C-alpha atoms as a PDB file:
ATOM      1  CA  MET A   1     167.347 -22.850-130.668  1.00  0.00           C
ATOM      2  CA  ALA A   2     168.903 -26.159-131.463  1.00  0.00           C
ATOM      3  CA  LYS A   3     172.550 -27.124-131.017  1.00  0.00           C
ATOM      4  CA  GLY A   4     173.137 -27.021-134.771  1.00  0.00           C
ATOM      5  CA  TYR A   5     172.791 -23.248-134.783  1.00  0.00           C
ATOM      6  CA  GLY A   6     176.027 -22.836-132.862  1.00  0.00           C
ATOM      7  CA  TRP A   7     175.796 -23.811-129.231  1.00  0.00           C
ATOM      8  CA  SER A   8     179.523 -24.074-128.529  1.00  0.00           C
ATOM      9  CA  PRO A   9     181.871 -21.093-128.051  1.00  0.00           C
ATOM     10  CA  GLY A  10     183.131 -19.586-131.280  1.00  0.00           C
ATOM     11  CA  LYS A  11     180.197 -20.890-133.323  1.00  0.00           C
ATOM     12  CA  PHE A  12     177.703 -18.785-135.273  1.00  0.00           C
ATOM     13  CA  GLY A  13     174.851 -18.594-132.757  1.00  0.00           C
ATOM     14  CA  TYR A  14     176.728 -18.928-129.446  1.00  0.00           C
ATOM     15  CA  GLU A  15     176.392 -15.317-128.320  1.00  0.00           C
ATOM     16  CA  VAL A  16     172.701 -15.299-129.247  1.00  0.00           C
ATOM     17  CA  VAL A  17     171.770 -17.985-126.677  1.00  0.00           C
ATOM     18  CA  GLY A  18     171.812 -15.569-123.717  1.00  0.00           C
ATOM     19  CA  LYS A  19     169.737 -13.017-125.608  1.00  0.00           C
ATOM     20  CA  VAL A  20     167.145 -15.611-126.583  1.00  0.00           C
ATOM     21  CA  ARG A  21     167.004 -16.840-122.975  1.00  0.00           C
ATOM     22  CA  ARG A  22     166.388 -13.303-121.654  1.00  0.00           C
ATOM     23  CA  LEU A  23     163.655 -12.776-124.242  1.00  0.00           C
ATOM     24  CA  LYS A  24     162.029 -16.112-123.408  1.00  0.00           C
ATOM     25  CA  ASP A  25     162.147 -15.417-119.655  1.00  0.00           C
ATOM     26  CA  ALA A  26     160.645 -11.936-120.120  1.00  0.00           C
ATOM     27  CA  ALA A  27     157.836 -13.332-122.268  1.00  0.00           C
ATOM     28  CA  LEU A  28     157.008 -16.023-119.720  1.00  0.00           C
ATOM     29  CA  LYS A  29     157.067 -13.507-116.872  1.00  0.00           C
ATOM     30  CA  ALA A  30     154.659 -11.265-118.824  1.00  0.00           C
ATOM     31  CA  GLY A  31     152.324 -14.183-119.503  1.00  0.00           C
ATOM     32  CA  VAL A  32     153.100 -14.282-123.219  1.00  0.00           C
ATOM     33  CA  PRO A  33     152.973 -17.790-124.705  1.00  0.00           C
ATOM     34  CA  VAL A  34     156.336 -19.095-125.895  1.00  0.00           C
ATOM     35  CA  VAL A  35     156.140 -21.455-128.861  1.00  0.00           C
ATOM     36  CA  HIS A  36     158.967 -23.883-129.618  1.00  0.00           C
ATOM     37  CA  CYS A  37     159.398 -25.267-133.120  1.00  0.00           C
ATOM     38  CA  HIS A  38     162.078 -27.163-135.003  1.00  0.00           C
ATOM     39  CA  SER A  39     163.468 -26.863-138.487  1.00  0.00           C
ATOM     40  CA  MET A  40     165.599 -29.549-140.040  1.00  0.00           C
ATOM     41  CA  ARG A  41     167.175 -30.693-143.262  1.00  0.00           C
ATOM     42  CA  ARG A  42     166.128 -33.987-144.815  1.00  0.00           C
ATOM     43  CA  PRO A  43     168.228 -35.946-147.303  1.00  0.00           C
ATOM     44  CA  SER A  44     165.644 -35.030-149.954  1.00  0.00           C
ATOM     45  CA  ASP A  45     166.302 -31.284-149.437  1.00  0.00           C
ATOM     46  CA  ASN A  46     169.377 -31.452-151.712  1.00  0.00           C
ATOM     47  CA  SER A  47     171.525 -29.665-149.137  1.00  0.00           C
ATOM     48  CA  SER A  48     175.175 -30.528-148.616  1.00  0.00           C
ATOM     49  CA  ASP A  49     176.056 -33.365-146.263  1.00  0.00           C
ATOM     50  CA  SER A  50     177.944 -30.884-144.094  1.00  0.00           C
ATOM     51  CA  SER A  51     175.000 -28.549-143.556  1.00  0.00           C
ATOM     52  CA  PRO A  52     173.770 -28.354-139.952  1.00  0.00           C
ATOM     53  CA  MET A  53     170.327 -29.372-138.775  1.00  0.00           C
ATOM     54  CA  ARG A  54     170.208 -32.728-140.531  1.00  0.00           C
ATOM     55  CA  ALA A  55     167.659 -35.318-139.423  1.00  0.00           C
ATOM     56  CA  GLY A  56     169.154 -37.968-137.162  1.00  0.00           C
ATOM     57  CA  THR A  57     171.929 -35.747-135.752  1.00  0.00           C
ATOM     58  CA  THR A  58     172.491 -34.088-132.380  1.00  0.00           C
ATOM     59  CA  ASP A  59     172.205 -30.730-134.180  1.00  0.00           C
ATOM     60  CA  LEU A  60     168.429 -30.982-133.671  1.00  0.00           C
ATOM     61  CA  GLU A  61     168.682 -31.240-129.868  1.00  0.00           C
ATOM     62  CA  VAL A  62     167.425 -28.146-128.056  1.00  0.00           C
ATOM     63  CA  ILE A  63     170.108 -26.120-126.298  1.00  0.00           C
ATOM     64  CA  PRO A  64     169.685 -26.946-122.571  1.00  0.00           C
ATOM     65  CA  GLU A  65     169.380 -23.274-121.552  1.00  0.00           C
ATOM     66  CA  LEU A  66     166.403 -22.918-123.882  1.00  0.00           C
ATOM     67  CA  GLU A  67     164.475 -26.136-123.175  1.00  0.00           C
ATOM     68  CA  PRO A  68     160.708 -25.700-123.115  1.00  0.00           C
ATOM     69  CA  ASN A  69     159.252 -25.022-119.673  1.00  0.00           C
ATOM     70  CA  ARG A  70     157.007 -27.780-118.466  1.00  0.00           C
END
């Protein structure tokens, strides 16, 4: 998950972060590969300027609790 999906309290995806973390941890413990991918909006996508996940913004940064394991 990236910050643009609602990392801060009161935002759309905030309460999902803990659930995703538990799922990720369980998968890793079971030896299941965890794949991280990004989606983003480009200026050519004809989306509104206020839409989240725009290229060049902090919305694309991965939420620290869900950073890929190295």
